């Protein structure tokens, strides 16, 4: 596969998971059996970490660095526009470069700024629900999750909402880079990346010509102040923020609806108690996360729980496996009112997702209003999804529901 991982040879008793085999799922019986055997399994990439306590410890272990930077190379993609962008964005930087970009981008996602936008999130959700509520059915991804996610991130960043469809289409294509299908889809990914870069350039030019009271204007103006973003950092960061904000929210909303289809009692509970919307987001992310694993890489040789891990080893920390670990969660069934240990859908440590608060908030507002407006949904056709590994979610989710309450 174009890479080499040096680790001690596995013993015959150690389980092995083949993450790139078609049909592999992070929620499979195979993964469950490996978790019962021990806290890790060998993979073609390195190690899969399966239990809650070990995932929690490794996410904040300073001997590990962000491992996503190596994902393209692990899949045979070593050069080109996507690699150039991917290696220079906030997600994959370390040390002072990471700290500086995070400091400059963080104000857009501060809790106070996001709380002020809640009325607009609610209004947007209501507008979209109005279009299909009386019909008794919808294709949830295209009629709600996608436009909601794209327009919500436009609201957060102060971007024109009317371009949401282009943002959504480009982001969907780039999202394929976070699955095991990156290599065969690379041409499509790079066309979409060029589209988002073109959009970023248009935004920068527009803000230079007519500055506004918005986050992008402040970033553009800060280019000429002290340690502000360079031109390329600004362009790359705008692409990341548009893609990341859209992709995560759309996928997690779709996965939430899939989960609630199987638990209509929990849908009714959320409709009756909308204050449970944020715990509901956390519970969905525990049992059905869009980010099925978080990647780290050993920056030095280390010993962990009696295992020798060589520098350069890739570790995939399986979020759903950790969240459903019976050692930490003896009754792991879906319950939005239950008290749960922290889930790892947004990571932890210095690479904790910068947009976690906006994602928690806009998804919570959407789910609360959906549950208040609509009876429990049921499937109304075939569900199509991204591969159930890497970053996942439904691409088509037809649902039906009885007459609105």
Protein backbone atom coordinates (compact mmCIF):
# COMPACT_ATOMS: atom_id res chain seq x y z
CA UNK A 1 0.00 0.00 0.00
CA UNK A 2 2.97 2.27 -0.24
CA UNK A 3 3.83 2.52 3.47
CA UNK A 4 5.56 0.56 6.16
CA UNK A 5 4.82 0.28 9.86
CA UNK A 6 7.45 -1.09 12.22
CA UNK A 7 5.98 -2.84 15.23
CA UNK A 8 6.74 -5.96 17.10
CA UNK A 9 5.45 -8.98 15.21
CA UNK A 10 1.90 -9.84 16.29
CA UNK A 11 1.39 -12.92 18.36
CA UNK A 12 -0.94 -15.59 16.94
CA UNK A 13 -3.48 -14.73 19.62
CA UNK A 14 -3.79 -11.05 18.66
CA UNK A 15 -6.94 -10.22 16.67
CA UNK A 16 -6.59 -8.53 13.28
CA UNK A 17 -9.11 -6.24 11.59
CA UNK A 18 -8.97 -5.58 7.84
CA UNK A 19 -10.25 -2.00 7.65
CA UNK A 20 -10.05 -1.71 3.86
CA UNK A 21 -11.94 -4.90 3.01
CA UNK A 22 -15.22 -3.97 1.24
CA UNK A 23 -18.07 -4.13 3.70
CA UNK A 24 -15.94 -3.79 6.82
CA UNK A 25 -17.92 -2.06 9.54
CA UNK A 26 -16.68 -0.57 12.81
CA UNK A 27 -19.87 -1.89 14.44
CA UNK A 28 -19.45 -5.49 13.28
CA UNK A 29 -19.43 -8.61 15.42
CA UNK A 30 -15.79 -8.96 14.38
CA UNK A 31 -14.93 -5.69 16.12
CA UNK A 32 -16.97 -6.64 19.17
CA UNK A 33 -15.14 -9.95 19.43
CA UNK A 34 -11.76 -8.22 19.11
CA UNK A 35 -12.76 -5.79 21.89
CA UNK A 36 -13.64 -8.68 24.17
CA UNK A 37 -10.24 -10.22 23.46
CA UNK A 38 -8.29 -7.09 24.36
CA UNK A 39 -7.98 -3.34 24.05
CA UNK A 40 -6.41 -3.32 20.58
CA UNK A 41 -6.26 -5.19 17.29
CA UNK A 42 -3.74 -5.15 14.47
CA UNK A 43 -4.76 -3.59 11.15
CA UNK A 44 -3.19 -2.99 7.76
CA UNK A 45 -2.52 0.57 8.94
CA UNK A 46 -1.14 -0.21 12.40
CA UNK A 47 -3.37 -0.56 15.46
CA UNK A 48 -7.09 -0.19 16.18
CA UNK A 49 -7.84 0.88 19.76
CA UNK A 50 -11.13 -0.61 20.90
CA UNK A 51 -11.85 0.13 24.56
CA UNK A 52 -12.97 3.30 26.28
CA UNK A 53 -10.20 3.74 28.85
CA UNK A 54 -7.40 3.20 26.33
CA UNK A 55 -8.99 5.52 23.75
CA UNK A 56 -9.37 8.21 26.42
CA UNK A 57 -5.76 7.87 27.56
CA UNK A 58 -4.25 7.86 24.07
CA UNK A 59 -6.24 10.86 22.83
CA UNK A 60 -4.36 13.08 25.28
CA UNK A 61 -1.00 11.25 25.26
CA UNK A 62 1.64 13.82 24.26
CA UNK A 63 3.76 11.05 22.75
CA UNK A 64 1.22 10.86 19.93
CA UNK A 65 0.58 13.43 17.21
CA UNK A 66 -2.35 13.91 14.87
CA UNK A 67 -2.32 10.97 12.47
CA UNK A 68 -4.70 12.19 9.77
CA UNK A 69 -1.90 13.86 7.80
CA UNK A 70 -0.68 10.41 6.74
CA UNK A 71 -4.11 9.16 5.62
CA UNK A 72 -3.66 9.94 1.89
CA UNK A 73 -0.23 8.23 1.82
CA UNK A 74 -1.62 5.22 3.67
CA UNK A 75 -3.98 4.83 0.73
CA UNK A 76 -1.42 5.38 -2.01
CA UNK A 77 -2.06 9.12 -2.56
CA UNK A 78 1.24 10.97 -2.16
CA UNK A 79 1.02 14.08 -4.34
CA UNK A 80 -1.34 16.48 -6.02
CA UNK A 81 -3.70 19.33 -5.04
CA UNK A 82 -5.50 17.39 -2.33
CA UNK A 83 -2.27 16.35 -0.60
CA UNK A 84 -0.95 19.92 -0.80
CA UNK A 85 -4.09 21.25 0.89
CA UNK A 86 -4.48 18.41 3.37
CA UNK A 87 -0.99 18.62 4.82
CA UNK A 88 -1.20 22.37 5.51
CA UNK A 89 -4.59 22.74 7.22
CA UNK A 90 -5.27 23.19 10.93
CA UNK A 91 -6.38 19.58 11.34
CA UNK A 92 -2.94 18.24 10.47
CA UNK A 93 -0.54 20.81 11.90
CA UNK A 94 1.35 20.45 15.17
CA UNK A 95 3.07 22.66 17.72
CA UNK A 96 3.27 26.41 17.29
CA UNK A 97 1.82 26.36 13.75
CA UNK A 98 -1.27 24.55 15.01
CA UNK A 99 -1.64 26.81 18.05
CA UNK A 100 -1.37 29.99 15.98
CA UNK A 101 -3.98 28.96 13.38
CA UNK A 102 -6.32 27.67 16.05
CA UNK A 103 -6.10 30.96 17.95
CA UNK A 104 -6.93 32.95 14.82
CA UNK A 105 -9.86 30.74 13.74
CA UNK A 106 -11.39 30.00 17.15
CA UNK A 107 -13.42 33.25 17.56
CA UNK A 108 -15.86 32.13 14.85
CA UNK A 109 -16.83 29.15 17.01
CA UNK A 110 -16.88 30.69 20.49
CA UNK A 111 -19.96 29.63 22.52
CA UNK A 112 -21.18 33.23 22.93
CA UNK A 113 -21.07 33.79 19.16
CA UNK A 114 -22.89 30.52 18.44
CA UNK A 115 -25.58 31.03 21.11
CA UNK A 116 -26.50 34.30 19.42
CA UNK A 117 -27.23 32.37 16.21
CA UNK A 118 -29.69 29.88 17.73
CA UNK A 119 -32.80 31.83 16.57
CA UNK A 120 -31.46 31.67 13.01
CA UNK A 121 -30.80 27.92 13.26
CA UNK A 122 -34.38 27.41 14.50
CA UNK A 123 -35.82 29.56 11.74
CA UNK A 124 -33.83 27.65 9.11
CA UNK A 125 -34.95 24.28 10.48
CA UNK A 126 -38.58 25.43 10.53
CA UNK A 127 -38.37 26.68 6.94
CA UNK A 128 -37.09 23.32 5.71
CA UNK A 129 -39.59 21.26 7.73
CA UNK A 130 -42.46 23.35 6.34
CA UNK A 131 -41.60 22.10 2.84
CA UNK A 132 -42.36 18.44 3.58
CA UNK A 133 -44.30 18.21 6.87
CA UNK A 134 -47.73 18.04 5.23
CA UNK A 135 -46.50 15.56 2.61
CA UNK A 136 -45.81 12.86 5.19
CA UNK A 137 -42.47 11.87 3.69
CA UNK A 138 -39.14 13.24 2.49
CA UNK A 139 -35.69 12.25 1.35
CA UNK A 140 -34.06 13.45 4.53
CA UNK A 141 -30.51 14.05 3.31
CA UNK A 142 -31.30 16.24 0.32
CA UNK A 143 -34.41 17.90 1.75
CA UNK A 144 -33.15 18.64 5.24
CA UNK A 145 -29.70 17.51 6.41
CA UNK A 146 -27.75 18.86 3.44
CA UNK A 147 -29.35 22.30 3.01
CA UNK A 148 -29.51 22.77 6.78
CA UNK A 149 -25.82 21.93 7.26
CA UNK A 150 -24.60 24.04 4.35
CA UNK A 151 -26.71 27.07 5.25
CA UNK A 152 -25.89 26.77 8.96
CA UNK A 153 -22.13 26.97 8.35
CA UNK A 154 -22.77 29.91 5.99
CA UNK A 155 -24.64 31.64 8.83
CA UNK A 156 -21.77 30.97 11.26
CA UNK A 157 -19.11 32.32 8.91
CA UNK A 158 -21.21 35.17 7.51
CA UNK A 159 -21.28 33.75 3.97
CA UNK A 160 -24.05 34.16 1.37
CA UNK A 161 -26.59 31.40 1.99
CA UNK A 162 -27.72 31.26 -1.63
CA UNK A 163 -24.56 29.37 -2.61
CA UNK A 164 -25.37 26.51 -0.25
CA UNK A 165 -25.98 23.97 -2.99
CA UNK A 166 -22.50 24.37 -4.47
CA UNK A 167 -20.93 24.25 -1.00
CA UNK A 168 -22.85 21.06 -0.25
CA UNK A 169 -21.92 19.33 -3.51
CA UNK A 170 -18.23 20.19 -3.25
CA UNK A 171 -18.11 19.24 0.43
CA UNK A 172 -19.76 15.90 -0.26
CA UNK A 173 -17.12 15.06 -2.82
CA UNK A 174 -14.24 16.13 -0.57
CA UNK A 175 -15.75 14.03 2.20
CA UNK A 176 -14.90 10.93 0.16
CA UNK A 177 -11.26 11.62 1.03
CA UNK A 178 -12.03 10.67 4.63
CA UNK A 179 -13.20 7.18 3.66
CA UNK A 180 -11.28 4.11 2.55
CA UNK A 181 -12.34 5.00 -1.02
CA UNK A 182 -10.05 8.02 -1.30
CA UNK A 183 -7.82 6.67 -4.05
CA UNK A 184 -10.46 5.63 -6.63
CA UNK A 185 -12.38 8.87 -6.01
CA UNK A 186 -9.36 11.18 -6.08
CA UNK A 187 -10.20 12.88 -9.41
CA UNK A 188 -13.68 13.82 -8.15
CA UNK A 189 -12.23 14.99 -4.84
CA UNK A 190 -9.74 17.31 -6.51
CA UNK A 191 -12.35 18.82 -8.85
CA UNK A 192 -14.49 19.62 -5.78
CA UNK A 193 -11.48 21.04 -3.96
CA UNK A 194 -10.81 23.38 -6.87
CA UNK A 195 -14.44 24.47 -6.71
CA UNK A 196 -14.22 25.36 -3.02
CA UNK A 197 -10.92 27.18 -3.56
CA UNK A 198 -12.56 29.22 -6.31
CA UNK A 199 -15.39 30.06 -3.93
CA UNK A 200 -12.90 31.07 -1.22
CA UNK A 201 -11.14 33.37 -3.67
CA UNK A 202 -14.45 35.00 -4.59
CA UNK A 203 -15.24 35.57 -0.91
CA UNK A 204 -11.86 37.12 -0.18
CA UNK A 205 -12.17 39.48 -3.16
CA UNK A 206 -15.72 40.44 -2.12
CA UNK A 207 -14.68 41.18 1.47
CA UNK A 208 -11.76 43.29 0.29
CA UNK A 209 -14.10 45.30 -1.96
CA UNK A 210 -16.95 45.59 0.57
CA UNK A 211 -15.91 44.74 4.14
CA UNK A 212 -18.67 43.63 6.49
CA UNK A 213 -19.16 42.87 10.16
CA UNK A 214 -18.42 39.17 9.84
CA UNK A 215 -15.75 36.61 10.61
CA UNK A 216 -14.36 36.28 7.08
CA UNK A 217 -13.89 40.05 6.80
CA UNK A 218 -11.97 40.04 10.07
CA UNK A 219 -9.72 37.25 8.81
CA UNK A 220 -9.09 39.07 5.54
CA UNK A 221 -8.25 42.32 7.32
CA UNK A 222 -5.99 40.51 9.79
CA UNK A 223 -3.73 39.37 6.95
CA UNK A 224 -1.90 42.64 7.25
CA UNK A 225 -1.62 42.62 11.03
CA UNK A 226 1.17 40.89 12.98
CA UNK A 227 0.88 37.11 12.73
CA UNK A 228 -2.38 37.07 10.74
CA UNK A 229 -3.05 34.33 8.23
CA UNK A 230 -1.00 34.31 5.05
CA UNK A 231 -2.91 34.40 1.78
CA UNK A 232 -2.57 30.64 1.32
CA UNK A 233 -3.46 29.93 4.96
CA UNK A 234 -6.59 32.04 4.57
CA UNK A 235 -7.67 30.28 1.38
CA UNK A 236 -6.99 26.82 2.80
CA UNK A 237 -8.71 27.61 6.10
CA UNK A 238 -11.87 28.90 4.43
CA UNK A 239 -12.07 25.69 2.41
CA UNK A 240 -11.59 23.61 5.58
CA UNK A 241 -14.20 25.54 7.57
CA UNK A 242 -16.82 25.35 4.81
CA UNK A 243 -16.17 21.66 4.16
CA UNK A 244 -15.82 20.61 7.79
CA UNK A 245 -18.87 22.47 9.04
CA UNK A 246 -21.06 21.15 6.26
CA UNK A 247 -19.83 17.55 6.14
CA UNK A 248 -20.00 16.73 9.84
CA UNK A 249 -23.43 18.26 10.47
CA UNK A 250 -25.05 16.68 7.42
CA UNK A 251 -23.68 13.21 8.16
CA UNK A 252 -24.46 13.31 11.87
CA UNK A 253 -28.02 14.53 11.26
CA UNK A 254 -28.60 11.65 8.86
CA UNK A 255 -27.18 9.15 11.33
CA UNK A 256 -29.35 10.65 14.08
CA UNK A 257 -32.51 10.10 12.05
CA UNK A 258 -31.45 6.54 11.27
CA UNK A 259 -30.98 5.95 14.98
CA UNK A 260 -34.31 7.46 15.96
CA UNK A 261 -36.10 5.38 13.32
CA UNK A 262 -35.09 2.37 15.40
CA UNK A 263 -36.13 4.06 18.66
CA UNK A 264 -39.50 5.82 18.20
CA UNK A 265 -39.99 6.03 21.97
CA UNK A 266 -36.86 8.19 22.19
CA UNK A 267 -38.17 10.42 19.37
CA UNK A 268 -41.37 10.99 21.30
CA UNK A 269 -39.38 11.73 24.44
CA UNK A 270 -37.30 14.33 22.61
CA UNK A 271 -40.45 15.93 21.21
CA UNK A 272 -41.91 16.17 24.71
CA UNK A 273 -38.66 17.32 26.32
CA UNK A 274 -36.68 19.47 23.83
CA UNK A 275 -34.23 20.34 26.62
CA UNK A 276 -32.81 16.85 26.00
CA UNK A 277 -31.65 17.86 22.52
CA UNK A 278 -27.99 18.34 23.47
CA UNK A 279 -27.81 15.08 25.43
CA UNK A 280 -29.51 13.49 22.40
CA UNK A 281 -26.69 14.70 20.13
CA UNK A 282 -24.12 13.23 22.51
CA UNK A 283 -26.01 9.93 22.70
CA UNK A 284 -26.29 9.67 18.92
CA UNK A 285 -22.58 10.37 18.60
CA UNK A 286 -21.86 7.65 21.12
CA UNK A 287 -23.80 4.92 19.30
CA UNK A 288 -23.72 6.12 15.68
CA UNK A 289 -20.91 8.64 15.07
CA UNK A 290 -19.99 10.01 11.67
CA UNK A 291 -16.33 10.01 12.75
CA UNK A 292 -15.88 6.27 13.24
CA UNK A 293 -12.23 6.57 14.18
CA UNK A 294 -9.78 9.25 15.26
CA UNK A 295 -6.24 8.85 14.00
CA UNK A 296 -3.03 9.36 15.92
CA UNK A 297 0.59 8.55 15.15
CA UNK A 298 3.37 7.69 17.58
CA UNK A 299 5.96 10.48 17.48
CA UNK A 300 8.44 8.35 19.44
CA UNK A 301 8.90 4.77 20.56
CA UNK A 302 6.63 4.13 23.52
CA UNK A 303 5.34 1.46 25.85
CA UNK A 304 1.61 1.51 26.53
CA UNK A 305 -0.25 -1.07 28.60
CA UNK A 306 2.63 -3.48 28.08
CA UNK A 307 2.67 -3.06 24.29
CA UNK A 308 5.75 -1.70 22.52
CA UNK A 309 4.69 0.80 19.86
CA UNK A 310 7.33 2.07 17.45
CA UNK A 311 7.61 5.68 16.32
CA UNK A 312 5.57 6.20 13.15
CA UNK A 313 2.90 3.65 14.05
CA UNK A 314 -0.63 4.69 13.12
CA UNK A 315 -3.36 4.19 15.70
CA UNK A 316 -7.03 4.30 14.82
CA UNK A 317 -9.09 5.01 17.94
CA UNK A 318 -12.54 3.55 17.22
CA UNK A 319 -15.09 5.97 18.68
CA UNK A 320 -18.21 3.78 18.54
CA UNK A 321 -16.37 0.78 19.95
CA UNK A 322 -15.16 2.93 22.84
CA UNK A 323 -18.59 4.49 23.38
CA UNK A 324 -20.33 1.11 23.57
CA UNK A 325 -17.62 -0.56 25.67
CA UNK A 326 -19.48 -2.49 28.40
CA UNK A 327 -16.61 -1.87 30.83
CA UNK A 328 -17.51 1.81 30.82
CA UNK A 329 -21.17 1.62 29.79
CA UNK A 330 -22.78 -1.58 31.17
CA UNK A 331 -26.17 -0.73 29.61
CA UNK A 332 -25.18 0.73 26.23
CA UNK A 333 -28.68 0.91 24.70
CA UNK A 334 -29.82 4.19 23.13
CA UNK A 335 -31.25 6.45 25.84
CA UNK A 336 -31.13 10.24 25.47
CA UNK A 337 -32.00 10.78 29.15
CA UNK A 338 -29.27 8.52 30.55
CA UNK A 339 -26.08 9.87 32.08
CA UNK A 340 -23.17 8.74 29.94
CA UNK A 341 -19.40 9.05 30.03
CA UNK A 342 -17.96 11.53 27.56
CA UNK A 343 -17.99 10.38 23.93
CA UNK A 344 -15.04 10.98 21.61
CA UNK A 345 -16.80 12.04 18.42
CA UNK A 346 -15.00 15.40 18.49
CA UNK A 347 -11.67 14.02 19.71
CA UNK A 348 -9.82 15.36 22.73
CA UNK A 349 -6.59 17.07 23.68
CA UNK A 350 -4.97 19.78 21.57
CA UNK A 351 -6.71 18.50 18.44
CA UNK A 352 -10.22 18.60 19.93
CA UNK A 353 -12.47 19.69 17.05
CA UNK A 354 -12.50 23.49 16.80
CA UNK A 355 -16.10 23.46 15.57
CA UNK A 356 -17.49 21.14 18.25
CA UNK A 357 -19.75 23.75 19.85
CA UNK A 358 -21.40 24.85 16.63
CA UNK A 359 -21.97 21.22 15.58
CA UNK A 360 -23.48 20.30 18.94
CA UNK A 361 -25.69 23.39 18.83
CA UNK A 362 -26.99 23.39 15.28
CA UNK A 363 -27.66 19.62 15.33
CA UNK A 364 -29.44 19.91 18.69
CA UNK A 365 -31.68 22.73 17.46
CA UNK A 366 -32.56 20.78 14.32
CA UNK A 367 -33.38 17.55 16.16
CA UNK A 368 -35.48 19.32 18.79
CA UNK A 369 -37.67 21.03 16.20
CA UNK A 370 -37.96 17.93 14.02
CA UNK A 371 -39.14 15.87 17.00
CA UNK A 372 -41.59 18.58 18.05
CA UNK A 373 -43.03 18.98 14.56
CA UNK A 374 -43.06 15.40 13.25
CA UNK A 375 -44.27 12.03 14.56
CA UNK A 376 -41.68 9.22 14.78
CA UNK A 377 -40.11 8.63 11.35
CA UNK A 378 -39.91 5.27 9.60
CA UNK A 379 -37.90 4.14 6.60
CA UNK A 380 -39.70 4.56 3.27
CA UNK A 381 -37.18 3.11 0.84
CA UNK A 382 -33.61 1.99 0.39
CA UNK A 383 -30.93 3.74 2.46
CA UNK A 384 -27.63 4.46 0.69
CA UNK A 385 -24.56 5.33 2.73
CA UNK A 386 -20.86 6.07 2.67
CA UNK A 387 -18.63 3.15 3.71
CA UNK A 388 -19.14 2.35 7.43
CA UNK A 389 -15.55 3.27 8.29
CA UNK A 390 -13.55 6.49 8.26
CA UNK A 391 -16.17 9.26 8.12
CA UNK A 392 -19.59 7.84 7.33
CA UNK A 393 -23.26 8.75 6.99
CA UNK A 394 -26.28 8.21 4.74
CA UNK A 395 -26.32 9.73 1.28
CA UNK A 396 -29.99 8.83 0.73
CA UNK A 397 -32.44 8.41 3.61
CA UNK A 398 -36.10 8.24 2.53
CA UNK A 399 -38.41 8.53 5.55
CA UNK A 400 -42.15 8.72 6.10
CA UNK A 401 -44.25 9.75 9.07
CA UNK A 402 -47.92 9.99 9.96
CA UNK A 403 -49.90 13.22 9.78
CA UNK A 404 -48.15 15.94 11.81
CA UNK A 405 -49.23 16.29 15.42
